[in-house]
Amino acid sequence: MRTTQVTVNDTIAAIPAAEWNELAGRDYPFLRHEFLLAAEQSGSVSPDAGWHPCHLSLRDQHGRLRAALPLYQKDHSWGEFVFDWAWARAYEQAGLAYYPKLVSAVPFTPAPSRRLLLRAADDNEAVSALLDAAVRLADARDCSSLHILFPQTDELPLLRNAGLRVRKDCQFHWHNNNYREFNDFLATFSSVKRKKIKRERRRVAEAGITFRRLRGNDLNSATWNIVYRLISLTFMRRGSLPYFSLEFFTQISQALPQNVLVILAEQHGNAIAAAVFFESERVLYGRYWGSDGHYDALHFETCYYQGIDYCIETSKQLFEPGTQGEHKISRGFIPEPTWSAHWLKHPEFLSAIGEYLDEERRHVERYMQAVDSRSPYKSRDPS
């Protein structure tokens, strides 16, 4: 008989890094034990910040880690990128408490990846044990709901079978069709769209702006201070501060140097803008951007074109630049579905949310078709 006793861990440090990483794999840097640990140890993810770690782990009869679920009790909905503010308001209007809630996600990271971490891919018993334990934990802690954010598509049937309602959204991703250089990529564009991109890149070059790529080992404390100041300026213009602290970035670049990339824009020897990326062997992930002022087309160059250049040079097949932004369509990014799954303790709200998600899904599908029709590609088959 295989044990199905699930343990609740109030810090990722309670689970040995080697065991967690064996299940999480190396293809997705944000699920690495080092990433989640840096988030907690830096204070970016902590009870004071409204994030209470409660990761679930399941061991087999030999004591080996059999399955795990990254999980947090949340006191708010910030940093999730799957928006449920309207649900919280509906609860409040009904005289019910929406917070706390349980969320399975990578904090502040809207990038799809596996959420149900399994030693054996077909271990449905472990899946049931994890999800049942999450629901029991929600009940024990008087949480309103359980949310699984940005799971992989093949996990959706498992989540549906457990009674969660699936929500559809979309992001814009770039696919590498084995381009040899940036101009090969541009050659797939219509003439008008191609000229627009070339004009934007030329304006940046004519402004005397150059770029440096810095990997994790190249980023010392002084350089991170510069980069963090730049991205903080952009956050502050929006009335907030970066979700991750400076300490997080310095720690993660030491812990996972091969997964961290910063593209630094300089003019007359001064750093004027920066974009922070993470990478796996196959995928580049755009995360943060900042500048000390407005420069014509610099955002597009630093965050998108430099990233595409890097993907082509390093043979990465996919570039995920983050959430939102229809302006990405004209620059060669195409709509891709993203998912989340939701369980609400209150049966009437669960039913109402289910009906809402059905209608929302139809709207998202119409939206994806509409923006896809504005693709810059001459022949629409870039994936």
Protein backbone atom coordinates (compact mmCIF):
# COMPACT_ATOMS: atom_id res chain seq x y z
CA MET A 1 0.00 0.00 0.00
CA ARG A 2 1.37 3.42 -1.01
CA THR A 3 1.05 6.15 1.58
CA THR A 4 -1.13 9.16 0.76
CA GLN A 5 -0.37 11.21 3.86
CA VAL A 6 0.18 14.82 2.74
CA THR A 7 2.37 17.20 4.77
CA VAL A 8 1.85 20.98 4.90
CA ASN A 9 5.19 22.84 4.88
CA ASP A 10 5.26 26.45 6.05
CA THR A 11 8.48 27.12 4.12
CA ILE A 12 10.03 25.65 1.00
CA ALA A 13 13.18 25.17 3.09
CA ALA A 14 11.39 22.30 4.88
CA ILE A 15 11.65 20.26 1.67
CA PRO A 16 15.22 19.35 0.62
CA ALA A 17 16.26 21.20 -2.55
CA ALA A 18 17.51 18.10 -4.36
CA GLU A 19 14.20 16.28 -3.79
CA TRP A 20 12.06 19.23 -4.87
CA ASN A 21 14.15 19.89 -7.97
CA GLU A 22 14.02 16.24 -8.98
CA LEU A 23 10.25 16.60 -9.30
CA ALA A 24 10.23 20.17 -10.63
CA GLY A 25 12.89 19.52 -13.28
CA ARG A 26 15.30 21.98 -14.88
CA ASP A 27 13.18 23.24 -17.78
CA TYR A 28 11.38 25.93 -15.82
CA PRO A 29 13.55 28.17 -13.61
CA PHE A 30 10.70 29.62 -11.55
CA LEU A 31 9.77 26.26 -10.03
CA ARG A 32 13.31 25.61 -8.88
CA HIS A 33 13.76 25.32 -5.14
CA GLU A 34 16.38 28.09 -5.32
CA PHE A 35 13.86 30.54 -6.85
CA LEU A 36 11.12 29.85 -4.31
CA LEU A 37 13.62 29.92 -1.44
CA ALA A 38 15.04 33.28 -2.53
CA ALA A 39 11.49 34.65 -2.71
CA GLU A 40 10.87 33.60 0.89
CA GLN A 41 14.27 34.43 2.39
CA SER A 42 14.30 37.91 0.83
CA GLY A 43 10.94 38.70 2.44
CA SER A 44 9.29 39.22 -0.94
CA VAL A 45 7.05 36.25 -0.19
CA SER A 46 6.17 36.21 3.50
CA PRO A 47 3.24 36.58 5.90
CA ASP A 48 4.10 40.29 6.21
CA ALA A 49 3.63 40.58 2.45
CA GLY A 50 0.35 38.65 2.55
CA TRP A 51 1.85 35.36 1.32
CA HIS A 52 1.84 32.43 3.77
CA PRO A 53 3.73 29.44 2.33
CA CYS A 54 1.95 26.12 2.87
CA HIS A 55 3.51 23.87 0.25
CA LEU A 56 2.15 20.34 0.09
CA SER A 57 4.38 17.28 -0.07
CA LEU A 58 3.63 13.57 -0.33
CA ARG A 59 6.17 10.82 0.36
CA ASP A 60 6.08 7.17 -0.66
CA GLN A 61 6.55 4.15 1.61
CA HIS A 62 10.34 4.49 1.22
CA GLY A 63 10.33 8.09 2.39
CA ARG A 64 11.03 9.54 -1.06
CA LEU A 65 9.24 12.65 -2.22
CA ARG A 66 6.48 11.31 -4.44
CA ALA A 67 4.53 14.49 -5.26
CA ALA A 68 4.31 18.15 -4.31
CA LEU A 69 2.23 21.26 -4.87
CA PRO A 70 3.54 24.82 -4.46
CA LEU A 71 0.89 26.53 -2.36
CA TYR A 72 0.30 29.79 -0.51
CA GLN A 73 -2.40 31.20 1.72
CA LYS A 74 -3.09 34.69 0.43
CA ASP A 75 -4.50 37.74 2.21
CA HIS A 76 -5.03 39.62 -1.09
CA SER A 77 -4.91 39.10 -4.86
CA TRP A 78 -1.81 41.12 -5.75
CA GLY A 79 0.96 39.50 -7.77
CA GLU A 80 -1.16 36.77 -9.34
CA PHE A 81 -2.03 38.07 -12.86
CA VAL A 82 -5.27 36.08 -12.89
CA PHE A 83 -7.71 38.69 -11.79
CA ASP A 84 -10.44 37.86 -9.29
CA TRP A 85 -11.07 41.28 -7.78
CA ALA A 86 -14.71 41.17 -8.98
CA TRP A 87 -15.19 37.85 -7.19
CA ALA A 88 -13.84 39.38 -3.98
CA ARG A 89 -16.26 42.31 -4.32
CA ALA A 90 -19.17 39.92 -4.87
CA TYR A 91 -18.26 38.06 -1.70
CA GLU A 92 -18.05 41.31 0.22
CA GLN A 93 -21.44 42.45 -1.07
CA ALA A 94 -22.90 39.12 0.08
CA GLY A 95 -21.44 39.63 3.55
CA LEU A 96 -18.86 36.88 3.09
CA ALA A 97 -15.06 36.93 3.42
CA TYR A 98 -13.11 36.16 0.24
CA TYR A 99 -9.74 36.33 2.00
CA PRO A 100 -7.84 34.35 3.01
CA LYS A 101 -7.71 32.04 -0.02
CA LEU A 102 -5.30 29.34 -1.20
CA VAL A 103 -3.26 29.85 -4.36
CA SER A 104 -0.99 27.40 -6.17
CA ALA A 105 1.33 29.55 -8.24
CA VAL A 106 4.83 30.91 -8.57
CA PRO A 107 4.62 34.32 -6.89
CA PHE A 108 4.64 37.33 -9.23
CA THR A 109 5.33 35.06 -12.23
CA PRO A 110 2.62 34.73 -14.91
CA ALA A 111 4.35 31.96 -16.87
CA PRO A 112 2.67 28.59 -17.48
CA SER A 113 4.30 25.49 -16.01
CA ARG A 114 3.43 22.32 -14.18
CA ARG A 115 1.78 22.79 -10.81
CA LEU A 116 1.24 19.14 -9.85
CA LEU A 117 4.80 17.94 -9.35
CA LEU A 118 4.89 14.16 -9.69
CA ARG A 119 7.63 11.55 -9.59
CA ALA A 120 5.51 9.39 -11.92
CA ALA A 121 3.54 11.27 -14.56
CA ASP A 122 0.57 8.89 -14.34
CA ASP A 123 0.30 8.93 -10.54
CA ASN A 124 -3.37 9.91 -10.37
CA GLU A 125 -3.56 8.74 -6.76
CA ALA A 126 -0.98 11.35 -5.78
CA VAL A 127 -2.87 14.02 -7.73
CA SER A 128 -6.06 13.21 -5.85
CA ALA A 129 -4.20 13.21 -2.55
CA LEU A 130 -2.69 16.65 -3.19
CA LEU A 131 -5.91 18.28 -4.36
CA ASP A 132 -7.99 16.69 -1.62
CA ALA A 133 -5.46 17.90 0.95
CA ALA A 134 -5.59 21.42 -0.53
CA VAL A 135 -9.37 21.51 -0.21
CA ARG A 136 -9.20 20.18 3.36
CA LEU A 137 -6.59 22.83 4.19
CA ALA A 138 -8.84 25.53 2.77
CA ASP A 139 -11.63 24.30 5.01
CA ALA A 140 -9.41 24.02 8.08
CA ARG A 141 -8.04 27.54 7.62
CA ASP A 142 -11.43 29.03 6.74
CA CYS A 143 -10.26 29.96 3.25
CA SER A 144 -12.90 30.82 0.70
CA SER A 145 -11.32 29.11 -2.26
CA LEU A 146 -8.47 27.32 -4.02
CA HIS A 147 -6.88 28.66 -7.18
CA ILE A 148 -4.36 26.88 -9.46
CA LEU A 149 -2.75 29.55 -11.64
CA PHE A 150 -1.00 29.00 -14.99
CA PRO A 151 -1.00 25.19 -15.01
CA GLN A 152 -0.02 23.26 -18.11
CA THR A 153 -2.75 22.22 -20.53
CA ASP A 154 -2.38 18.51 -19.81
CA GLU A 155 -3.13 19.15 -16.14
CA LEU A 156 -6.58 20.60 -16.89
CA PRO A 157 -8.46 17.26 -17.03
CA LEU A 158 -7.03 16.34 -13.62
CA LEU A 159 -8.15 19.67 -12.18
CA ARG A 160 -11.61 19.38 -13.74
CA ASN A 161 -12.00 15.87 -12.35
CA ALA A 162 -11.25 17.27 -8.89
CA GLY A 163 -14.16 19.71 -9.22
CA LEU A 164 -12.25 22.87 -10.15
CA ARG A 165 -13.63 25.23 -12.79
CA VAL A 166 -11.21 26.08 -15.61
CA ARG A 167 -10.63 29.65 -16.74
CA LYS A 168 -9.13 30.63 -20.10
CA ASP A 169 -7.07 33.72 -20.89
CA CYS A 170 -4.25 34.51 -23.31
CA GLN A 171 -0.76 35.91 -23.61
CA PHE A 172 1.43 36.78 -26.59
CA HIS A 173 4.42 34.55 -27.35
CA TRP A 174 7.15 34.51 -30.01
CA HIS A 175 8.14 31.30 -31.78
CA ASN A 176 11.51 30.66 -33.39
CA ASN A 177 11.22 29.12 -36.85
CA ASN A 178 14.92 28.31 -36.94
CA TYR A 179 15.81 31.86 -37.94
CA ARG A 180 19.51 32.45 -38.60
CA GLU A 181 19.31 36.17 -37.81
CA PHE A 182 16.82 38.91 -37.02
CA ASN A 183 16.41 39.83 -40.70
CA ASP A 184 15.27 36.28 -41.45
CA PHE A 185 12.52 36.82 -38.91
CA LEU A 186 11.60 40.19 -40.41
CA ALA A 187 11.46 38.65 -43.88
CA THR A 188 8.28 36.86 -42.80
CA PHE A 189 6.54 40.22 -42.23
CA SER A 190 4.54 42.25 -44.69
CA SER A 191 6.50 45.15 -46.16
CA VAL A 192 4.76 47.84 -44.10
CA LYS A 193 5.23 46.01 -40.80
CA ARG A 194 8.84 45.18 -41.62
CA LYS A 195 9.68 48.82 -42.29
CA LYS A 196 8.11 49.85 -39.00
CA ILE A 197 10.33 47.50 -37.00
CA LYS A 198 13.46 48.59 -38.87
CA ARG A 199 12.57 52.23 -38.25
CA GLU A 200 12.17 51.63 -34.51
CA ARG A 201 15.50 49.85 -34.25
CA ARG A 202 17.21 52.57 -36.29
CA ARG A 203 15.93 55.34 -33.96
CA VAL A 204 17.47 53.62 -30.96
CA ALA A 205 20.80 53.13 -32.73
CA GLU A 206 20.84 56.75 -33.96
CA ALA A 207 20.34 57.91 -30.36
CA GLY A 208 23.71 56.34 -29.54
CA ILE A 209 22.20 53.67 -27.33
CA THR A 210 24.08 50.39 -27.01
CA PHE A 211 23.33 47.17 -25.16
CA ARG A 212 25.18 44.81 -22.88
CA ARG A 213 24.09 41.31 -21.90
CA LEU A 214 24.84 40.33 -18.34
CA ARG A 215 24.42 36.79 -17.04
CA GLY A 216 24.00 35.87 -13.40
CA ASN A 217 27.74 35.64 -12.70
CA ASP A 218 28.27 39.10 -14.23
CA LEU A 219 25.81 40.77 -11.88
CA ASN A 220 27.45 41.95 -8.68
CA SER A 221 25.76 44.03 -5.98
CA ALA A 222 26.72 47.34 -7.61
CA THR A 223 25.23 46.32 -10.96
CA TRP A 224 22.05 45.03 -9.33
CA ASN A 225 21.68 48.36 -7.53
CA ILE A 226 21.70 50.09 -10.91
CA VAL A 227 19.26 47.63 -12.47
CA TYR A 228 16.94 47.67 -9.47
CA ARG A 229 16.86 51.46 -9.42
CA LEU A 230 15.80 51.50 -13.08
CA ILE A 231 13.01 48.94 -12.71
CA SER A 232 11.86 50.63 -9.49
CA LEU A 233 11.42 53.91 -11.35
CA THR A 234 8.99 52.27 -13.76
CA PHE A 235 7.04 50.65 -10.92
CA MET A 236 6.89 53.97 -9.05
CA ARG A 237 5.45 55.72 -12.11
CA ARG A 238 2.55 53.28 -11.72
CA GLY A 239 2.24 54.00 -8.02
CA SER A 240 3.88 50.87 -6.61
CA LEU A 241 7.20 49.21 -5.83
CA PRO A 242 8.68 46.04 -7.38
CA TYR A 243 7.21 42.86 -6.00
CA PHE A 244 10.63 41.28 -5.59
CA SER A 245 13.21 42.99 -3.39
CA LEU A 246 16.78 43.83 -4.32
CA GLU A 247 17.90 41.02 -2.01
CA PHE A 248 15.90 38.54 -4.07
CA PHE A 249 17.68 39.48 -7.29
CA THR A 250 21.14 39.36 -5.78
CA GLN A 251 20.41 35.97 -4.23
CA ILE A 252 18.84 34.41 -7.32
CA SER A 253 21.62 35.52 -9.65
CA GLN A 254 24.08 33.69 -7.40
CA ALA A 255 21.87 30.63 -6.88
CA LEU A 256 20.79 30.24 -10.54
CA PRO A 257 23.36 32.21 -12.58
CA GLN A 258 22.68 30.18 -15.72
CA ASN A 259 18.99 31.20 -15.65
CA VAL A 260 19.35 34.96 -15.17
CA LEU A 261 19.90 37.47 -17.98
CA VAL A 262 19.89 41.27 -17.82
CA ILE A 263 20.02 43.42 -20.94
CA LEU A 264 21.39 46.83 -20.01
CA ALA A 265 20.88 49.83 -22.28
CA GLU A 266 23.58 52.50 -22.12
CA GLN A 267 23.98 55.96 -23.61
CA HIS A 268 27.23 57.93 -23.38
CA GLY A 269 28.49 55.36 -20.89
CA ASN A 270 25.49 55.69 -18.57
CA ALA A 271 22.92 52.99 -17.85
CA ILE A 272 19.52 54.35 -18.91
CA ALA A 273 17.33 51.24 -19.07
CA ALA A 274 17.32 47.57 -18.20
CA ALA A 275 15.27 44.46 -18.84
CA VAL A 276 15.43 41.42 -16.56
CA PHE A 277 14.90 38.00 -18.14
CA PHE A 278 14.99 34.41 -16.97
CA GLU A 279 15.79 31.53 -19.28
CA SER A 280 15.74 27.79 -19.65
CA GLU A 281 17.44 25.80 -22.38
CA ARG A 282 14.44 26.23 -24.64
CA VAL A 283 12.57 29.35 -23.44
CA LEU A 284 13.32 33.01 -22.69
CA TYR A 285 11.02 34.73 -20.18
CA GLY A 286 10.74 38.51 -20.05
CA ARG A 287 10.03 39.71 -16.54
CA TYR A 288 10.91 43.31 -15.59
CA TRP A 289 11.72 46.53 -17.38
CA GLY A 290 12.72 50.00 -16.29
CA SER A 291 14.24 53.23 -17.58
CA ASP A 292 15.21 56.62 -16.23
CA GLY A 293 13.09 58.49 -18.78
CA HIS A 294 11.39 58.31 -22.16
CA TYR A 295 13.45 57.23 -25.16
CA ASP A 296 11.86 56.66 -28.55
CA ALA A 297 11.23 52.91 -29.14
CA LEU A 298 13.66 51.91 -26.39
CA HIS A 299 11.11 49.75 -24.57
CA PHE A 300 10.42 47.72 -27.71
CA GLU A 301 14.12 47.35 -28.47
CA THR A 302 15.22 46.37 -24.97
CA CYS A 303 12.32 44.08 -24.04
CA TYR A 304 11.44 42.53 -27.40
CA TYR A 305 13.97 42.92 -30.21
CA GLN A 306 17.02 42.32 -28.03
CA GLY A 307 15.22 39.29 -26.60
CA ILE A 308 14.42 37.95 -30.07
CA ASP A 309 18.05 38.49 -31.10
CA TYR A 310 19.14 36.50 -28.06
CA CYS A 311 16.69 33.68 -28.80
CA ILE A 312 17.91 33.39 -32.38
CA GLU A 313 21.57 33.39 -31.35
CA THR A 314 21.04 30.78 -28.61
CA SER A 315 18.50 28.64 -30.53
CA LYS A 316 15.70 29.15 -28.01
CA GLN A 317 12.38 28.08 -29.43
CA LEU A 318 10.02 30.26 -27.43
CA PHE A 319 9.98 33.78 -25.98
CA GLU A 320 7.33 34.57 -23.34
CA PRO A 321 7.54 38.31 -22.61
CA GLY A 322 4.86 38.45 -19.90
CA THR A 323 1.22 39.45 -19.67
CA GLN A 324 -0.99 41.81 -21.65
CA GLY A 325 0.16 44.14 -24.40
CA GLU A 326 -1.57 44.06 -27.79
CA HIS A 327 1.37 46.08 -29.11
CA LYS A 328 3.26 42.76 -29.14
CA ILE A 329 1.12 41.50 -32.03
CA SER A 330 2.63 43.90 -34.59
CA ARG A 331 6.08 42.81 -33.43
CA GLY A 332 5.63 39.15 -34.19
CA PHE A 333 4.14 37.76 -30.98
CA ILE A 334 1.02 35.63 -31.39
CA PRO A 335 -1.86 34.89 -28.98
CA GLU A 336 -1.54 31.70 -26.95
CA PRO A 337 -4.08 30.38 -24.41
CA THR A 338 -3.26 30.36 -20.71
CA TRP A 339 -5.27 28.67 -18.00
CA SER A 340 -6.21 28.66 -14.36
CA ALA A 341 -8.51 26.47 -12.27
CA HIS A 342 -10.72 27.50 -9.35
CA TRP A 343 -12.68 25.91 -6.51
CA LEU A 344 -14.89 27.97 -4.22
CA LYS A 345 -16.21 26.57 -0.95
CA HIS A 346 -19.58 28.32 -1.29
CA PRO A 347 -21.62 26.15 -3.74
CA GLU A 348 -23.77 28.99 -5.07
CA PHE A 349 -20.72 31.10 -5.83
CA LEU A 350 -18.98 28.11 -7.43
CA SER A 351 -21.97 27.61 -9.72
CA ALA A 352 -22.16 31.31 -10.59
CA ILE A 353 -18.44 31.50 -11.28
CA GLY A 354 -18.71 28.45 -13.52
CA GLU A 355 -21.37 30.16 -15.67
CA TYR A 356 -19.30 33.34 -15.76
CA LEU A 357 -16.20 31.43 -16.90
CA ASP A 358 -18.12 29.79 -19.74
CA GLU A 359 -19.12 33.19 -21.10
CA GLU A 360 -15.67 34.66 -20.45
CA ARG A 361 -14.07 31.78 -22.38
CA ARG A 362 -16.14 32.58 -25.45
CA HIS A 363 -15.10 36.23 -25.19
CA VAL A 364 -11.40 35.28 -24.89
CA GLU A 365 -11.65 33.05 -27.95
CA ARG A 366 -13.25 35.83 -29.99
CA TYR A 367 -10.57 38.23 -28.78
CA MET A 368 -7.77 35.85 -29.74
CA GLN A 369 -9.20 35.45 -33.22
CA ALA A 370 -9.54 39.21 -33.62
CA VAL A 371 -5.98 40.06 -32.57
CA ASP A 372 -4.57 37.14 -34.54
CA SER A 373 -6.07 38.63 -37.68
CA ARG A 374 -3.77 41.64 -37.17
CA SER A 375 -0.64 39.49 -37.32
CA PRO A 376 2.24 41.10 -39.28
CA TYR A 377 3.19 37.82 -40.95
CA LYS A 378 2.76 37.51 -44.72
CA SER A 379 1.83 33.86 -44.37
CA ARG A 380 0.13 33.18 -41.05
CA ASP A 381 1.96 30.10 -39.76
CA PRO A 382 4.76 31.33 -37.46
CA SER A 383 4.47 28.51 -34.90
